[in-house]
C-alpha cells in the first residue's frame, strides 16, 4: 500500500499542474503511518479532480486504494 501511495505522490509532483496537489504530495512522500497516508490521499484527490489523462486516472486509482 505504501509503495502505491508514494508512487502516486511522485506522479502528482511530476505531472500534475495543481500547485496545492504538489505540496500535499511532497508532504505525503515522508509519511509512513497508514492513517496519515489515507488522510493525505483524500487531500490530494480533492486537488487533482480537474487533472485529466491516463496518468491522472492511474494516480487517482492508486490514491483511492489507500
C-alpha atoms as a PDB file:
ATOM      1  CA  UNK A   1       0.000   0.000   0.000  1.00  0.00           C
ATOM      2  CA  UNK A   2       2.776   2.448   0.873  1.00  0.00           C
ATOM      3  CA  UNK A   3       4.517   1.918  -2.452  1.00  0.00           C
ATOM      4  CA  UNK A   4       1.320   2.722  -4.367  1.00  0.00           C
ATOM      5  CA  UNK A   5       0.772   5.836  -2.276  1.00  0.00           C
ATOM      6  CA  UNK A   6       4.335   7.060  -2.711  1.00  0.00           C
ATOM      7  CA  UNK A   7       4.220   6.280  -6.451  1.00  0.00           C
ATOM      8  CA  UNK A   8       1.021   8.316  -6.737  1.00  0.00           C
ATOM      9  CA  UNK A   9       2.615  11.200  -4.846  1.00  0.00           C
ATOM     10  CA  UNK A  10       5.587  11.116  -7.197  1.00  0.00           C
ATOM     11  CA  UNK A  11       3.290  11.170 -10.235  1.00  0.00           C
ATOM     12  CA  UNK A  12       1.420  14.184  -8.864  1.00  0.00           C
ATOM     13  CA  UNK A  13       4.680  16.041  -8.248  1.00  0.00           C
ATOM     14  CA  UNK A  14       5.991  15.282 -11.736  1.00  0.00           C
ATOM     15  CA  UNK A  15       2.878  15.675 -13.894  1.00  0.00           C
ATOM     16  CA  UNK A  16       0.023  17.494 -12.176  1.00  0.00           C
ATOM     17  CA  UNK A  17      -0.280  21.240 -12.830  1.00  0.00           C
ATOM     18  CA  UNK A  18      -2.022  21.978  -9.498  1.00  0.00           C
ATOM     19  CA  UNK A  19       0.368  23.576  -7.005  1.00  0.00           C
ATOM     20  CA  UNK A  20      -1.654  22.640  -3.943  1.00  0.00           C
ATOM     21  CA  UNK A  21      -1.763  18.992  -5.016  1.00  0.00           C
ATOM     22  CA  UNK A  22       2.014  19.048  -5.491  1.00  0.00           C
ATOM     23  CA  UNK A  23       2.504  20.455  -1.991  1.00  0.00           C
ATOM     24  CA  UNK A  24       0.294  17.777  -0.436  1.00  0.00           C
ATOM     25  CA  UNK A  25       2.084  15.097  -2.471  1.00  0.00           C
ATOM     26  CA  UNK A  26       5.513  16.310  -1.342  1.00  0.00           C
ATOM     27  CA  UNK A  27       4.360  16.087   2.264  1.00  0.00           C
ATOM     28  CA  UNK A  28       2.944  12.628   1.577  1.00  0.00           C
ATOM     29  CA  UNK A  29       6.311  11.269   0.456  1.00  0.00           C
ATOM     30  CA  UNK A  30       7.612  11.433   4.022  1.00  0.00           C
ATOM     31  CA  UNK A  31       4.573   9.732   5.588  1.00  0.00           C
ATOM     32  CA  UNK A  32       4.563   6.104   6.662  1.00  0.00           C
ATOM     33  CA  UNK A  33       1.578   5.828   9.019  1.00  0.00           C
ATOM     34  CA  UNK A  34      -1.378   4.257   7.152  1.00  0.00           C
ATOM     35  CA  UNK A  35      -3.936   6.610   8.702  1.00  0.00           C
ATOM     36  CA  UNK A  36      -1.885   9.700   7.855  1.00  0.00           C
ATOM     37  CA  UNK A  37      -1.426   8.438   4.288  1.00  0.00           C
ATOM     38  CA  UNK A  38      -5.158   7.864   3.938  1.00  0.00           C
ATOM     39  CA  UNK A  39      -5.963  11.399   5.088  1.00  0.00           C
ATOM     40  CA  UNK A  40      -3.258  12.858   2.836  1.00  0.00           C
ATOM     41  CA  UNK A  41      -4.611  10.857  -0.104  1.00  0.00           C
ATOM     42  CA  UNK A  42      -8.010  12.484   0.430  1.00  0.00           C
ATOM     43  CA  UNK A  43      -6.442  15.951   0.312  1.00  0.00           C
ATOM     44  CA  UNK A  44      -4.542  15.075  -2.857  1.00  0.00           C
ATOM     45  CA  UNK A  45      -7.619  13.541  -4.512  1.00  0.00           C
ATOM     46  CA  UNK A  46      -9.601  16.699  -3.803  1.00  0.00           C
ATOM     47  CA  UNK A  47      -6.949  18.821  -5.512  1.00  0.00           C
ATOM     48  CA  UNK A  48      -6.447  16.644  -8.609  1.00  0.00           C
ATOM     49  CA  UNK A  49     -10.112  16.366  -9.573  1.00  0.00           C
ATOM     50  CA  UNK A  50      -9.622  18.575 -12.663  1.00  0.00           C
ATOM     51  CA  UNK A  51      -6.424  16.850 -13.803  1.00  0.00           C
ATOM     52  CA  UNK A  52      -7.123  14.682 -16.872  1.00  0.00           C
ATOM     53  CA  UNK A  53      -5.338  11.950 -18.813  1.00  0.00           C
ATOM     54  CA  UNK A  54      -4.068   8.408 -18.427  1.00  0.00           C
ATOM     55  CA  UNK A  55      -1.533   9.269 -15.726  1.00  0.00           C
ATOM     56  CA  UNK A  56      -4.189  11.161 -13.777  1.00  0.00           C
ATOM     57  CA  UNK A  57      -6.572   8.215 -13.979  1.00  0.00           C
ATOM     58  CA  UNK A  58      -3.945   5.739 -12.747  1.00  0.00           C
ATOM     59  CA  UNK A  59      -2.878   8.112  -9.977  1.00  0.00           C
ATOM     60  CA  UNK A  60      -6.469   8.532  -8.777  1.00  0.00           C
ATOM     61  CA  UNK A  61      -6.930   4.756  -8.718  1.00  0.00           C
ATOM     62  CA  UNK A  62      -3.792   4.337  -6.580  1.00  0.00           C
ATOM     63  CA  UNK A  63      -4.867   7.061  -4.166  1.00  0.00           C
ATOM     64  CA  UNK A  64      -8.371   5.642  -3.804  1.00  0.00           C
ATOM     65  CA  UNK A  65      -6.839   2.327  -2.739  1.00  0.00           C
ATOM     66  CA  UNK A  66      -5.031   3.914   0.223  1.00  0.00           C
END
